[in-house]
């Protein structure tokens, strides 16, 4: 049988657990609806789809949703399979998004394909007010182009005319 001291200890422990849950629970549930841009069937336009991502690492989680690909068969994946997001750094409105080598090595090529891939990344990140320019890196290094058609030596901005 529990004496009064043991009961008090249990009550204090229960109160502490409840307080911790109240304080930490919202952080685990905090999420935001973001636009993720996928290619249309003809690889001519980007189509935005709403995904809910955790606020913790918002930019990383948004690009991870892009890497997962679309849930609809009417839309096309824009990032090649096995591509990994290494990191994203944002400073003075510029997002440096760093991918693994598979972004280049596994890309299907073509001018339209490269444009859709690049601007799916740029437009997904540039929707956030803290980001107005995006630079794509591969293995931490600046690249001149993804597959030979689009100049990536300068930061890129949101391209509304590609959005359907």
Protein backbone atom coordinates (compact mmCIF):
# COMPACT_ATOMS: atom_id res chain seq x y z
CA UNK A 1 0.00 0.00 0.00
CA UNK A 2 1.23 3.50 -0.88
CA UNK A 3 1.79 5.97 1.90
CA UNK A 4 1.09 9.67 1.58
CA UNK A 5 4.66 10.51 0.50
CA UNK A 6 4.57 7.97 -2.35
CA UNK A 7 1.22 9.33 -3.52
CA UNK A 8 2.62 12.86 -3.53
CA UNK A 9 5.60 11.76 -5.61
CA UNK A 10 3.30 10.10 -8.16
CA UNK A 11 1.10 13.18 -8.33
CA UNK A 12 4.12 15.43 -8.89
CA UNK A 13 5.43 13.09 -11.61
CA UNK A 14 2.06 13.03 -13.35
CA UNK A 15 1.89 16.83 -13.24
CA UNK A 16 5.39 17.08 -14.73
CA UNK A 17 4.53 14.66 -17.54
CA UNK A 18 1.30 16.54 -18.33
CA UNK A 19 3.14 19.88 -18.38
CA UNK A 20 5.83 18.49 -20.67
CA UNK A 21 3.19 17.14 -23.04
CA UNK A 22 1.40 20.48 -23.10
CA UNK A 23 4.63 22.37 -23.82
CA UNK A 24 6.13 19.98 -26.38
CA UNK A 25 3.04 18.63 -28.14
CA UNK A 26 2.42 21.70 -30.36
CA UNK A 27 6.02 21.60 -31.64
CA UNK A 28 5.53 18.05 -32.88
CA UNK A 29 2.24 18.91 -34.54
CA UNK A 30 3.24 22.26 -36.00
CA UNK A 31 2.88 22.06 -39.75
CA UNK A 32 2.27 24.30 -42.71
CA UNK A 33 0.62 23.86 -46.09
CA UNK A 34 3.10 24.59 -48.87
CA UNK A 35 3.06 24.48 -52.65
CA UNK A 36 5.22 21.86 -54.29
CA UNK A 37 5.70 22.17 -58.05
CA UNK A 38 5.58 19.12 -60.33
CA UNK A 39 5.76 18.83 -64.10
CA UNK A 40 2.71 18.38 -66.31
CA UNK A 41 2.49 15.39 -68.70
CA UNK A 42 4.16 17.32 -71.54
CA UNK A 43 6.98 18.66 -69.32
CA UNK A 44 6.12 22.19 -70.43
CA UNK A 45 4.57 23.62 -67.28
CA UNK A 46 4.72 23.34 -63.53
CA UNK A 47 1.60 22.50 -61.55
CA UNK A 48 1.46 23.31 -57.84
CA UNK A 49 0.10 20.82 -55.37
CA UNK A 50 -0.48 21.51 -51.70
CA UNK A 51 1.43 19.36 -49.24
CA UNK A 52 1.47 19.65 -45.49
CA UNK A 53 4.96 19.66 -44.04
CA UNK A 54 6.36 20.05 -40.54
CA UNK A 55 7.48 23.58 -39.69
CA UNK A 56 10.68 22.22 -38.22
CA UNK A 57 13.07 22.32 -41.23
CA UNK A 58 10.36 23.82 -43.45
CA UNK A 59 12.55 24.27 -46.53
CA UNK A 60 14.10 20.82 -46.28
CA UNK A 61 10.71 19.17 -45.74
CA UNK A 62 9.26 21.03 -48.74
CA UNK A 63 12.04 19.81 -51.05
CA UNK A 64 11.74 16.29 -49.63
CA UNK A 65 8.08 16.36 -50.70
CA UNK A 66 9.22 17.41 -54.17
CA UNK A 67 11.69 14.51 -54.27
CA UNK A 68 8.92 12.06 -53.28
CA UNK A 69 7.08 13.04 -56.44
CA UNK A 70 3.43 13.64 -57.25
CA UNK A 71 0.55 11.56 -55.92
CA UNK A 72 -1.38 12.00 -59.16
CA UNK A 73 -0.61 10.12 -62.38
CA UNK A 74 -1.39 13.30 -64.34
CA UNK A 75 1.77 14.93 -63.02
CA UNK A 76 5.41 14.06 -63.54
CA UNK A 77 8.25 13.68 -61.06
CA UNK A 78 10.83 16.42 -61.52
CA UNK A 79 13.74 15.11 -59.46
CA UNK A 80 15.51 11.90 -60.56
CA UNK A 81 15.33 8.75 -58.46
CA UNK A 82 17.96 8.23 -55.78
CA UNK A 83 18.67 11.99 -55.61
CA UNK A 84 19.33 13.04 -52.04
CA UNK A 85 18.90 16.47 -50.54
CA UNK A 86 22.14 17.15 -48.66
CA UNK A 87 21.25 20.52 -47.12
CA UNK A 88 19.72 23.94 -47.64
CA UNK A 89 21.27 27.17 -46.39
CA UNK A 90 19.41 30.47 -46.54
CA UNK A 91 21.20 33.79 -46.17
CA UNK A 92 20.20 37.29 -47.31
CA UNK A 93 17.29 35.97 -49.38
CA UNK A 94 19.44 33.40 -51.20
CA UNK A 95 18.75 29.69 -50.74
CA UNK A 96 21.63 27.37 -51.56
CA UNK A 97 20.11 23.96 -52.09
CA UNK A 98 22.62 21.13 -52.19
CA UNK A 99 21.81 17.80 -53.86
CA UNK A 100 23.69 14.56 -54.37
CA UNK A 101 25.31 13.74 -57.74
CA UNK A 102 22.26 11.70 -58.80
CA UNK A 103 20.49 14.95 -59.68
CA UNK A 104 22.80 15.12 -62.71
CA UNK A 105 23.69 11.45 -63.27
CA UNK A 106 20.10 10.14 -63.28
CA UNK A 107 18.47 13.08 -65.06
CA UNK A 108 16.49 12.17 -68.20
CA UNK A 109 17.83 15.21 -70.09
CA UNK A 110 16.33 17.55 -72.64
CA UNK A 111 15.85 21.29 -72.53
CA UNK A 112 12.27 21.11 -71.24
CA UNK A 113 13.15 18.40 -68.72
CA UNK A 114 16.01 20.44 -67.32
CA UNK A 115 13.88 23.60 -67.14
CA UNK A 116 11.07 21.78 -65.31
CA UNK A 117 13.48 20.16 -62.84
CA UNK A 118 15.33 23.38 -62.05
CA UNK A 119 12.24 25.55 -61.68
CA UNK A 120 10.34 22.95 -59.66
CA UNK A 121 13.12 23.41 -57.09
CA UNK A 122 13.33 27.20 -57.47
CA UNK A 123 9.57 27.81 -57.36
CA UNK A 124 9.05 25.46 -54.42
CA UNK A 125 11.63 27.36 -52.36
CA UNK A 126 10.90 30.88 -53.64
CA UNK A 127 7.32 30.74 -52.33
CA UNK A 128 8.71 31.53 -48.88
CA UNK A 129 9.06 35.23 -48.06
CA UNK A 130 12.61 34.73 -46.75
CA UNK A 131 13.77 33.36 -50.13
CA UNK A 132 13.84 35.38 -53.35
CA UNK A 133 16.72 33.64 -55.15
CA UNK A 134 17.85 30.03 -55.38
CA UNK A 135 21.21 28.52 -56.30
CA UNK A 136 21.45 24.79 -57.00
CA UNK A 137 24.58 22.97 -55.83
CA UNK A 138 25.68 19.38 -56.35
CA UNK A 139 27.85 17.80 -53.67
CA UNK A 140 28.48 21.27 -52.25
CA UNK A 141 29.79 22.73 -55.50
CA UNK A 142 28.24 25.29 -57.83
CA UNK A 143 27.36 23.77 -61.19
CA UNK A 144 27.29 25.49 -64.59
CA UNK A 145 24.30 23.52 -65.81
CA UNK A 146 22.28 20.46 -64.90
CA UNK A 147 22.37 18.63 -68.25
CA UNK A 148 23.72 21.27 -70.65
CA UNK A 149 20.80 23.55 -71.51
CA UNK A 150 20.19 25.98 -68.64
CA UNK A 151 22.76 28.38 -67.14
CA UNK A 152 22.96 27.78 -63.39
CA UNK A 153 25.93 30.06 -62.70
CA UNK A 154 23.61 32.74 -61.33
CA UNK A 155 20.89 32.49 -58.68
CA UNK A 156 17.40 31.97 -60.13
CA UNK A 157 14.08 33.57 -59.21
CA UNK A 158 10.50 32.31 -59.16
CA UNK A 159 9.30 31.83 -62.74
CA UNK A 160 5.55 32.44 -62.85
CA UNK A 161 5.23 31.93 -66.61
CA UNK A 162 6.05 28.23 -66.17
CA UNK A 163 3.18 27.71 -63.72
CA UNK A 164 -0.05 26.35 -65.18
